[in-house]
N, C-alpha and C. Protein backbone atom coordinates (compact mmCIF):
# COMPACT_ATOMS: atom_id res chain seq x y z
N UNK A 1 123.18 84.83 79.41
CA UNK A 1 123.55 84.78 80.81
C UNK A 1 122.28 85.00 81.64
N UNK A 2 122.17 84.25 82.71
CA UNK A 2 120.99 84.33 83.57
C UNK A 2 121.29 85.18 84.82
N UNK A 3 120.25 85.72 85.41
CA UNK A 3 120.39 86.53 86.62
C UNK A 3 121.13 85.76 87.71
N UNK A 4 120.81 84.50 87.86
CA UNK A 4 121.45 83.69 88.91
C UNK A 4 122.97 83.59 88.69
N UNK A 5 123.40 83.56 87.44
CA UNK A 5 124.83 83.51 87.14
C UNK A 5 125.51 84.83 87.52
N UNK A 6 124.83 85.93 87.24
CA UNK A 6 125.37 87.25 87.58
C UNK A 6 125.45 87.40 89.09
N UNK A 7 124.39 86.99 89.78
CA UNK A 7 124.39 87.04 91.24
C UNK A 7 125.54 86.22 91.81
N UNK A 8 125.79 85.06 91.25
CA UNK A 8 126.87 84.21 91.74
C UNK A 8 128.24 84.88 91.56
N UNK A 9 128.46 85.50 90.41
CA UNK A 9 129.72 86.19 90.17
C UNK A 9 129.96 87.26 91.23
N UNK A 10 128.91 88.03 91.52
CA UNK A 10 129.04 89.12 92.48
C UNK A 10 129.19 88.57 93.90
N UNK A 11 128.36 87.60 94.26
CA UNK A 11 128.41 87.03 95.61
C UNK A 11 129.73 86.31 95.88
N UNK A 12 130.31 85.69 94.85
CA UNK A 12 131.60 85.02 95.02
C UNK A 12 132.73 86.02 95.27
N UNK A 13 132.56 87.23 94.75
CA UNK A 13 133.61 88.24 94.87
C UNK A 13 133.43 89.17 96.06
N UNK A 14 132.19 89.38 96.48
CA UNK A 14 131.90 90.37 97.51
C UNK A 14 131.02 89.80 98.61
N UNK A 15 131.24 90.26 99.81
CA UNK A 15 130.38 89.88 100.92
C UNK A 15 129.33 90.97 101.10
N UNK A 16 128.12 90.69 100.64
CA UNK A 16 127.05 91.69 100.63
C UNK A 16 125.94 91.31 101.60
N UNK A 17 125.25 92.32 102.09
CA UNK A 17 124.08 92.10 102.93
C UNK A 17 122.83 91.91 102.08
N UNK A 18 122.82 92.56 100.93
CA UNK A 18 121.69 92.42 100.02
C UNK A 18 122.18 92.66 98.59
N UNK A 19 121.57 91.93 97.67
CA UNK A 19 121.92 92.06 96.26
C UNK A 19 120.66 91.92 95.43
N UNK A 20 120.46 92.85 94.52
CA UNK A 20 119.35 92.77 93.57
C UNK A 20 119.94 92.90 92.17
N UNK A 21 119.57 91.99 91.29
CA UNK A 21 120.06 92.01 89.92
C UNK A 21 118.89 91.88 88.97
N UNK A 22 118.87 92.74 87.97
CA UNK A 22 117.92 92.62 86.87
C UNK A 22 118.74 92.54 85.59
N UNK A 23 118.30 91.69 84.67
CA UNK A 23 119.06 91.49 83.43
C UNK A 23 118.09 91.19 82.31
N UNK A 24 118.18 91.96 81.22
CA UNK A 24 117.24 91.77 80.12
C UNK A 24 117.87 91.14 78.88
N UNK A 25 119.01 90.52 79.04
CA UNK A 25 119.67 89.88 77.91
C UNK A 25 120.93 90.59 77.48
N UNK A 26 121.05 91.88 77.78
CA UNK A 26 122.28 92.59 77.50
C UNK A 26 122.56 93.66 78.54
N UNK A 27 121.53 94.26 79.08
CA UNK A 27 121.70 95.31 80.08
C UNK A 27 121.45 94.75 81.47
N UNK A 28 122.35 95.09 82.36
CA UNK A 28 122.30 94.57 83.72
C UNK A 28 122.18 95.74 84.70
N UNK A 29 121.31 95.59 85.67
CA UNK A 29 121.14 96.58 86.73
C UNK A 29 121.42 95.89 88.06
N UNK A 30 122.31 96.49 88.85
CA UNK A 30 122.73 95.88 90.11
C UNK A 30 122.53 96.87 91.25
N UNK A 31 121.93 96.39 92.33
CA UNK A 31 121.88 97.12 93.60
C UNK A 31 122.62 96.25 94.61
N UNK A 32 123.67 96.80 95.21
CA UNK A 32 124.49 96.07 96.16
C UNK A 32 124.53 96.83 97.49
N UNK A 33 124.30 96.10 98.57
CA UNK A 33 124.24 96.71 99.90
C UNK A 33 125.27 96.02 100.80
N UNK A 34 126.17 96.83 101.36
CA UNK A 34 127.17 96.31 102.30
C UNK A 34 127.84 97.49 103.00
N UNK A 35 128.19 97.30 104.24
CA UNK A 35 128.87 98.37 104.97
C UNK A 35 130.28 98.61 104.45
N UNK A 36 130.84 97.66 103.70
CA UNK A 36 132.17 97.85 103.12
C UNK A 36 132.23 99.06 102.20
N UNK A 37 131.07 99.49 101.69
CA UNK A 37 131.03 100.63 100.79
C UNK A 37 131.16 101.97 101.52
N UNK A 38 131.02 101.96 102.84
CA UNK A 38 131.02 103.19 103.62
C UNK A 38 132.27 104.03 103.48
N UNK A 39 133.41 103.41 103.35
CA UNK A 39 134.68 104.13 103.27
C UNK A 39 135.12 104.42 101.83
N UNK A 40 134.30 104.05 100.86
CA UNK A 40 134.69 104.20 99.46
C UNK A 40 133.91 105.32 98.77
N UNK A 41 134.56 105.96 97.81
CA UNK A 41 133.87 106.96 96.99
C UNK A 41 132.87 106.24 96.09
N UNK A 42 131.98 107.01 95.49
CA UNK A 42 130.98 106.43 94.59
C UNK A 42 131.66 105.67 93.44
N UNK A 43 132.71 106.25 92.90
CA UNK A 43 133.43 105.60 91.79
C UNK A 43 134.08 104.30 92.25
N UNK A 44 134.73 104.31 93.40
CA UNK A 44 135.38 103.10 93.92
C UNK A 44 134.35 102.01 94.21
N UNK A 45 133.18 102.40 94.72
CA UNK A 45 132.12 101.43 94.99
C UNK A 45 131.74 100.72 93.70
N UNK A 46 131.54 101.50 92.65
CA UNK A 46 131.15 100.91 91.37
C UNK A 46 132.26 100.03 90.80
N UNK A 47 133.49 100.47 90.96
CA UNK A 47 134.62 99.69 90.45
C UNK A 47 134.70 98.32 91.12
N UNK A 48 134.38 98.25 92.40
CA UNK A 48 134.40 96.98 93.12
C UNK A 48 133.39 96.01 92.51
N UNK A 49 132.19 96.50 92.21
CA UNK A 49 131.16 95.65 91.62
C UNK A 49 131.52 95.30 90.17
N UNK A 50 131.99 96.29 89.41
CA UNK A 50 132.39 96.02 88.03
C UNK A 50 133.49 94.97 87.95
N UNK A 51 134.40 94.99 88.91
CA UNK A 51 135.50 94.01 88.92
C UNK A 51 134.94 92.59 89.00
N UNK A 52 133.87 92.41 89.75
CA UNK A 52 133.26 91.07 89.87
C UNK A 52 132.65 90.61 88.55
N UNK A 53 132.28 91.57 87.71
CA UNK A 53 131.63 91.26 86.43
C UNK A 53 132.56 91.42 85.23
N UNK A 54 133.82 91.71 85.49
CA UNK A 54 134.76 92.07 84.43
C UNK A 54 134.83 91.04 83.29
N UNK A 55 134.93 89.77 83.62
CA UNK A 55 135.04 88.75 82.57
C UNK A 55 133.78 88.68 81.71
N UNK A 56 132.62 88.77 82.34
CA UNK A 56 131.35 88.71 81.60
C UNK A 56 131.17 89.94 80.72
N UNK A 57 131.66 91.08 81.17
CA UNK A 57 131.61 92.30 80.35
C UNK A 57 132.60 92.18 79.20
N UNK A 58 133.80 91.72 79.52
CA UNK A 58 134.88 91.60 78.53
C UNK A 58 134.51 90.66 77.38
N UNK A 59 133.87 89.53 77.72
CA UNK A 59 133.53 88.57 76.66
C UNK A 59 132.16 88.83 76.01
N UNK A 60 131.49 89.90 76.43
CA UNK A 60 130.26 90.31 75.76
C UNK A 60 128.98 89.69 76.29
N UNK A 61 129.05 88.89 77.34
CA UNK A 61 127.82 88.32 77.89
C UNK A 61 126.95 89.41 78.53
N UNK A 62 127.62 90.45 79.03
CA UNK A 62 126.93 91.62 79.55
C UNK A 62 127.45 92.82 78.77
N UNK A 63 126.53 93.64 78.25
CA UNK A 63 126.94 94.77 77.42
C UNK A 63 126.88 96.10 78.17
N UNK A 64 125.94 96.25 79.06
CA UNK A 64 125.79 97.50 79.81
C UNK A 64 125.44 97.17 81.25
N UNK A 65 126.03 97.93 82.17
CA UNK A 65 125.79 97.68 83.59
C UNK A 65 125.51 99.00 84.29
N UNK A 66 124.45 99.01 85.08
CA UNK A 66 124.16 100.12 85.97
C UNK A 66 124.31 99.60 87.39
N UNK A 67 125.09 100.31 88.19
CA UNK A 67 125.37 99.87 89.55
C UNK A 67 124.97 100.95 90.54
N UNK A 68 124.21 100.54 91.54
CA UNK A 68 123.91 101.41 92.67
C UNK A 68 124.37 100.68 93.92
N UNK A 69 125.12 101.39 94.76
CA UNK A 69 125.64 100.78 95.98
C UNK A 69 125.18 101.59 97.18
N UNK A 70 124.98 100.88 98.29
CA UNK A 70 124.52 101.50 99.52
C UNK A 70 125.17 100.81 100.71
N UNK A 71 125.37 101.56 101.78
CA UNK A 71 125.64 100.91 103.07
C UNK A 71 124.28 100.44 103.59
N UNK A 72 124.28 99.64 104.65
CA UNK A 72 123.01 99.18 105.20
C UNK A 72 122.14 100.35 105.65
N UNK A 73 122.74 101.34 106.31
CA UNK A 73 121.99 102.50 106.78
C UNK A 73 121.43 103.31 105.60
N UNK A 74 122.23 103.51 104.57
CA UNK A 74 121.76 104.24 103.38
C UNK A 74 120.61 103.49 102.72
N UNK A 75 120.71 102.17 102.66
CA UNK A 75 119.68 101.36 102.03
C UNK A 75 118.37 101.46 102.80
N UNK A 76 118.43 101.42 104.12
CA UNK A 76 117.22 101.55 104.93
C UNK A 76 116.57 102.91 104.70
N UNK A 77 117.37 103.97 104.68
CA UNK A 77 116.84 105.31 104.42
C UNK A 77 116.22 105.39 103.04
N UNK A 78 116.90 104.83 102.04
CA UNK A 78 116.40 104.89 100.67
C UNK A 78 115.09 104.14 100.53
N UNK A 79 115.00 102.97 101.17
CA UNK A 79 113.76 102.20 101.09
C UNK A 79 112.60 102.94 101.74
N UNK A 80 112.85 103.58 102.88
CA UNK A 80 111.80 104.34 103.55
C UNK A 80 111.37 105.55 102.73
N UNK A 81 112.34 106.23 102.13
CA UNK A 81 112.07 107.42 101.33
C UNK A 81 111.25 107.09 100.09
N UNK A 82 111.49 105.92 99.51
CA UNK A 82 110.82 105.55 98.26
C UNK A 82 109.53 104.75 98.45
N UNK A 83 109.06 104.63 99.67
CA UNK A 83 107.82 103.88 99.92
C UNK A 83 106.61 104.73 99.61
C-alpha cells in the first residue's frame, strides 16, 4: 500500500485541514488536523481516523498505526513549540 492510497482513504472519510502520512510498508503514522476534533476525547479522535483505515487494517495492508490528532489551534501551537 502506498502513502497516497492511505491519504485517499482518510481524505475520503474525513474533512481535514491538514494530513501527514508516513508508511514504511507495514507501520503507518498519521497526523490529522481539523477543528472537528475539538469536541472529541483523545480516544474518540483516534477512533475516527482508525475507522477510515479499518478495511486496510483488517485485510493486513496496514499492520500498525500511530495517530496524532490536533485542532487547527493546537497544531499551530505544536508547530511553534517544536521549531
